[in-house]
């Protein structure tokens, strides 16, 4: 599981598409030609509340992460 910060200072500088967290200008994983945005960029500052609410409506998968865009993310502050 990937560990991502809740509110990174400059989320636009990193690709959040895999566990490598490459700089946006140097994508090493071959995940695509553009970087994957952080959930705060896609859903706003309250993205975690949205994700937790969505997770509460789904069946418990047995993980302590949050499902965002089909991936289970372990969150740390």
Protein backbone atom coordinates (compact mmCIF):
# COMPACT_ATOMS: atom_id res chain seq x y z
CA UNK A 1 0.00 0.00 0.00
CA UNK A 2 1.15 3.49 -0.77
CA UNK A 3 1.61 5.98 2.06
CA UNK A 4 0.69 9.48 0.98
CA UNK A 5 0.52 12.77 2.90
CA UNK A 6 -2.95 14.18 3.53
CA UNK A 7 -2.18 17.71 2.34
CA UNK A 8 1.18 17.97 0.56
CA UNK A 9 2.59 21.48 0.14
CA UNK A 10 3.16 21.17 -3.61
CA UNK A 11 1.27 18.15 -4.92
CA UNK A 12 1.79 19.29 -8.50
CA UNK A 13 5.52 18.55 -8.28
CA UNK A 14 5.10 14.78 -7.80
CA UNK A 15 3.47 11.94 -9.74
CA UNK A 16 1.22 10.04 -7.34
CA UNK A 17 0.58 7.10 -9.69
CA UNK A 18 2.78 4.50 -7.97
CA UNK A 19 4.98 4.02 -4.92
CA UNK A 20 8.00 5.70 -6.55
CA UNK A 21 6.57 9.25 -6.25
CA UNK A 22 8.68 10.52 -9.18
CA UNK A 23 9.19 14.22 -9.84
CA UNK A 24 6.61 15.44 -12.34
CA UNK A 25 9.32 16.17 -14.92
CA UNK A 26 10.99 12.75 -14.60
CA UNK A 27 8.50 9.87 -14.73
CA UNK A 28 10.57 6.71 -14.19
CA UNK A 29 7.88 4.05 -13.83
CA UNK A 30 6.38 4.21 -17.30
CA UNK A 31 2.95 4.74 -15.76
CA UNK A 32 2.05 7.03 -18.60
CA UNK A 33 3.11 10.20 -20.29
CA UNK A 34 1.59 12.54 -17.72
CA UNK A 35 1.69 12.51 -13.93
CA UNK A 36 -1.13 11.20 -11.75
CA UNK A 37 -2.64 13.91 -9.57
CA UNK A 38 -2.93 13.75 -5.78
CA UNK A 39 -6.52 13.32 -4.50
CA UNK A 40 -6.44 16.85 -3.03
CA UNK A 41 -5.98 18.17 -6.59
CA UNK A 42 -8.89 16.12 -7.91
CA UNK A 43 -11.41 16.35 -5.06
CA UNK A 44 -10.37 19.44 -3.05
CA UNK A 45 -9.16 19.99 0.50
CA UNK A 46 -11.90 17.78 1.98
CA UNK A 47 -10.96 14.78 -0.20
CA UNK A 48 -10.32 12.51 2.78
CA UNK A 49 -13.81 13.11 4.20
CA UNK A 50 -15.24 12.19 0.81
CA UNK A 51 -13.10 9.07 0.58
CA UNK A 52 -13.97 7.94 4.12
CA UNK A 53 -17.66 8.50 3.48
CA UNK A 54 -17.42 6.48 0.28
CA UNK A 55 -15.55 3.72 2.07
CA UNK A 56 -18.18 3.54 4.83
CA UNK A 57 -20.77 2.71 2.18
CA UNK A 58 -18.68 -0.12 0.76
CA UNK A 59 -18.13 -3.50 2.35
CA UNK A 60 -15.17 -3.69 4.69
CA UNK A 61 -12.24 -5.00 2.69
CA UNK A 62 -10.22 -5.80 5.81
CA UNK A 63 -7.69 -3.03 5.16
CA UNK A 64 -6.95 0.08 7.20
CA UNK A 65 -6.63 2.21 4.08
CA UNK A 66 -8.96 4.32 2.00
CA UNK A 67 -10.00 3.42 -1.55
CA UNK A 68 -9.39 6.32 -3.95
CA UNK A 69 -9.61 5.89 -7.72
CA UNK A 70 -9.62 2.12 -7.34
CA UNK A 71 -6.45 2.00 -5.21
CA UNK A 72 -6.22 1.33 -1.49
CA UNK A 73 -4.12 4.04 0.13
CA UNK A 74 -2.72 3.97 3.64
CA UNK A 75 -2.80 7.50 4.98
CA UNK A 76 -0.33 9.18 7.33
CA UNK A 77 -0.23 12.75 8.53
